């Protein structure tokens, strides 16, 4: 089934809502506001590709966090499939955090 641009936008909003419920266990801020999600691409058939990173390659949740992201996005209504690409280019740094995340962590 092909979705309209409006439907794709709604799916995207729902994906972002889900991403904001997933937290890095070491930092009390969700992974979206931390800037760990580099890109979310949604095809017109609602196949989703997520490009994300971790705070470090040695992150203790390197196995479980990407799996949690993939599982939760797969549960979003209309999503047909989820591909998750884990990258460390560019390397994550604190400048990638949203203003809300920096405020939450007392950095501003």
C-alpha atoms as a PDB file:
ATOM      1  CA  UNK A   1       0.000   0.000   0.000  1.00  0.00           C
ATOM      2  CA  UNK A   2       1.244   3.458  -0.848  1.00  0.00           C
ATOM      3  CA  UNK A   3       0.727   6.228   1.680  1.00  0.00           C
ATOM      4  CA  UNK A   4       0.203   9.921   1.007  1.00  0.00           C
ATOM      5  CA  UNK A   5       2.730  12.529   2.103  1.00  0.00           C
ATOM      6  CA  UNK A   6       0.351  13.500   4.905  1.00  0.00           C
ATOM      7  CA  UNK A   7       0.096   9.902   6.125  1.00  0.00           C
ATOM      8  CA  UNK A   8       3.900   9.540   5.975  1.00  0.00           C
ATOM      9  CA  UNK A   9       4.220  12.738   8.035  1.00  0.00           C
ATOM     10  CA  UNK A  10       1.821  11.279  10.631  1.00  0.00           C
ATOM     11  CA  UNK A  11       3.813   8.046  10.763  1.00  0.00           C
ATOM     12  CA  UNK A  12       6.984  10.128  11.217  1.00  0.00           C
ATOM     13  CA  UNK A  13       5.434  12.044  14.111  1.00  0.00           C
ATOM     14  CA  UNK A  14       4.400   8.776  15.747  1.00  0.00           C
ATOM     15  CA  UNK A  15       7.923   7.408  15.329  1.00  0.00           C
ATOM     16  CA  UNK A  16       9.397  10.509  16.986  1.00  0.00           C
ATOM     17  CA  UNK A  17       6.878  10.142  19.820  1.00  0.00           C
ATOM     18  CA  UNK A  18       8.069   6.552  20.321  1.00  0.00           C
ATOM     19  CA  UNK A  19      11.753   7.553  20.158  1.00  0.00           C
ATOM     20  CA  UNK A  20      11.100  10.057  22.950  1.00  0.00           C
ATOM     21  CA  UNK A  21      10.083   7.157  25.219  1.00  0.00           C
ATOM     22  CA  UNK A  22      13.463   5.401  24.865  1.00  0.00           C
ATOM     23  CA  UNK A  23      16.204   6.460  27.252  1.00  0.00           C
ATOM     24  CA  UNK A  24      19.933   5.926  27.387  1.00  0.00           C
ATOM     25  CA  UNK A  25      20.206   4.222  30.805  1.00  0.00           C
ATOM     26  CA  UNK A  26      23.229   6.315  31.782  1.00  0.00           C
ATOM     27  CA  UNK A  27      21.682   9.694  30.954  1.00  0.00           C
ATOM     28  CA  UNK A  28      18.170  10.704  32.090  1.00  0.00           C
ATOM     29  CA  UNK A  29      17.243  12.090  28.655  1.00  0.00           C
ATOM     30  CA  UNK A  30      15.538  10.317  25.761  1.00  0.00           C
ATOM     31  CA  UNK A  31      17.626   9.228  22.780  1.00  0.00           C
ATOM     32  CA  UNK A  32      15.884  11.653  20.403  1.00  0.00           C
ATOM     33  CA  UNK A  33      16.711  14.732  22.488  1.00  0.00           C
ATOM     34  CA  UNK A  34      20.234  13.375  23.071  1.00  0.00           C
ATOM     35  CA  UNK A  35      20.782  13.539  19.326  1.00  0.00           C
ATOM     36  CA  UNK A  36      21.445   9.815  18.952  1.00  0.00           C
ATOM     37  CA  UNK A  37      18.982   9.586  16.047  1.00  0.00           C
ATOM     38  CA  UNK A  38      20.727  10.923  12.955  1.00  0.00           C
ATOM     39  CA  UNK A  39      17.995  10.223  10.423  1.00  0.00           C
ATOM     40  CA  UNK A  40      14.590   8.592  10.001  1.00  0.00           C
ATOM     41  CA  UNK A  41      13.582   7.814   6.431  1.00  0.00           C
ATOM     42  CA  UNK A  42      10.095   6.575   5.575  1.00  0.00           C
ATOM     43  CA  UNK A  43       9.228   5.193   2.151  1.00  0.00           C
ATOM     44  CA  UNK A  44       5.802   5.704   0.604  1.00  0.00           C
ATOM     45  CA  UNK A  45       5.081   2.111   1.650  1.00  0.00           C
ATOM     46  CA  UNK A  46       5.955   2.911   5.281  1.00  0.00           C
ATOM     47  CA  UNK A  47       9.248   1.023   5.335  1.00  0.00           C
ATOM     48  CA  UNK A  48      11.404   2.838   7.882  1.00  0.00           C
ATOM     49  CA  UNK A  49      15.176   3.236   7.957  1.00  0.00           C
ATOM     50  CA  UNK A  50      16.717   4.670  11.104  1.00  0.00           C
ATOM     51  CA  UNK A  51      20.321   5.813  11.274  1.00  0.00           C
ATOM     52  CA  UNK A  52      21.460   6.183  14.845  1.00  0.00           C
ATOM     53  CA  UNK A  53      24.522   6.208  17.032  1.00  0.00           C
ATOM     54  CA  UNK A  54      25.408   5.614  20.655  1.00  0.00           C
ATOM     55  CA  UNK A  55      27.118   7.951  23.083  1.00  0.00           C
ATOM     56  CA  UNK A  56      30.229   5.786  22.646  1.00  0.00           C
ATOM     57  CA  UNK A  57      31.156   2.590  20.785  1.00  0.00           C
ATOM     58  CA  UNK A  58      31.728   0.971  24.197  1.00  0.00           C
ATOM     59  CA  UNK A  59      28.259   1.941  25.420  1.00  0.00           C
ATOM     60  CA  UNK A  60      26.940  -0.784  27.760  1.00  0.00           C
ATOM     61  CA  UNK A  61      23.651  -0.887  25.831  1.00  0.00           C
ATOM     62  CA  UNK A  62      25.293  -1.272  22.402  1.00  0.00           C
ATOM     63  CA  UNK A  63      23.370  -4.517  21.889  1.00  0.00           C
ATOM     64  CA  UNK A  64      20.062  -3.784  23.573  1.00  0.00           C
ATOM     65  CA  UNK A  65      19.368  -0.132  22.690  1.00  0.00           C
ATOM     66  CA  UNK A  66      19.291  -0.531  18.876  1.00  0.00           C
ATOM     67  CA  UNK A  67      17.133  -3.647  19.294  1.00  0.00           C
ATOM     68  CA  UNK A  68      14.715  -1.699  21.525  1.00  0.00           C
ATOM     69  CA  UNK A  69      14.535   1.131  18.975  1.00  0.00           C
ATOM     70  CA  UNK A  70      13.805  -1.308  16.145  1.00  0.00           C
ATOM     71  CA  UNK A  71      11.167  -3.218  18.156  1.00  0.00           C
ATOM     72  CA  UNK A  72       9.312  -0.100  19.292  1.00  0.00           C
ATOM     73  CA  UNK A  73       9.276   1.506  15.839  1.00  0.00           C
ATOM     74  CA  UNK A  74       7.967  -1.757  14.366  1.00  0.00           C
ATOM     75  CA  UNK A  75       4.946  -1.393  16.669  1.00  0.00           C
ATOM     76  CA  UNK A  76       4.028   2.033  15.241  1.00  0.00           C
ATOM     77  CA  UNK A  77       0.809   1.773  13.273  1.00  0.00           C
ATOM     78  CA  UNK A  78       1.282   1.311   9.500  1.00  0.00           C
ATOM     79  CA  UNK A  79       5.061   0.729   9.703  1.00  0.00           C
ATOM     80  CA  UNK A  80       5.722  -2.154   7.318  1.00  0.00           C
ATOM     81  CA  UNK A  81       9.365  -2.855   8.158  1.00  0.00           C
ATOM     82  CA  UNK A  82      12.260  -1.329  10.073  1.00  0.00           C
ATOM     83  CA  UNK A  83      15.893  -1.241   9.078  1.00  0.00           C
ATOM     84  CA  UNK A  84      18.292   0.122  11.658  1.00  0.00           C
ATOM     85  CA  UNK A  85      21.779   1.276  10.804  1.00  0.00           C
ATOM     86  CA  UNK A  86      24.167   1.899  13.674  1.00  0.00           C
ATOM     87  CA  UNK A  87      26.950   4.335  12.834  1.00  0.00           C
ATOM     88  CA  UNK A  88      29.714   6.149  14.651  1.00  0.00           C
ATOM     89  CA  UNK A  89      30.294   8.670  11.871  1.00  0.00           C
ATOM     90  CA  UNK A  90      30.057  11.437  12.824  1.00  0.00           C
ATOM     91  CA  UNK A  91      31.019  10.649  16.392  1.00  0.00           C
ATOM     92  CA  UNK A  92      28.321  11.720  18.832  1.00  0.00           C
ATOM     93  CA  UNK A  93      29.163  14.703  21.035  1.00  0.00           C
ATOM     94  CA  UNK A  94      27.288  16.903  23.481  1.00  0.00           C
ATOM     95  CA  UNK A  95      26.672  19.564  20.826  1.00  0.00           C
ATOM     96  CA  UNK A  96      24.221  17.159  19.186  1.00  0.00           C
ATOM     97  CA  UNK A  97      21.878  17.310  22.174  1.00  0.00           C
ATOM     98  CA  UNK A  98      18.786  19.465  21.911  1.00  0.00           C
ATOM     99  CA  UNK A  99      18.501  22.580  24.025  1.00  0.00           C
ATOM    100  CA  UNK A 100      15.896  20.694  26.082  1.00  0.00           C
ATOM    101  CA  UNK A 101      18.400  17.882  26.789  1.00  0.00           C
ATOM    102  CA  UNK A 102      21.153  20.321  27.794  1.00  0.00           C
ATOM    103  CA  UNK A 103      18.723  22.102  30.093  1.00  0.00           C
ATOM    104  CA  UNK A 104      17.605  18.772  31.586  1.00  0.00           C
ATOM    105  CA  UNK A 105      21.223  17.908  32.351  1.00  0.00           C
ATOM    106  CA  UNK A 106      21.966  21.335  33.823  1.00  0.00           C
ATOM    107  CA  UNK A 107      24.313  22.341  31.014  1.00  0.00           C
ATOM    108  CA  UNK A 108      22.527  25.662  30.312  1.00  0.00           C
END
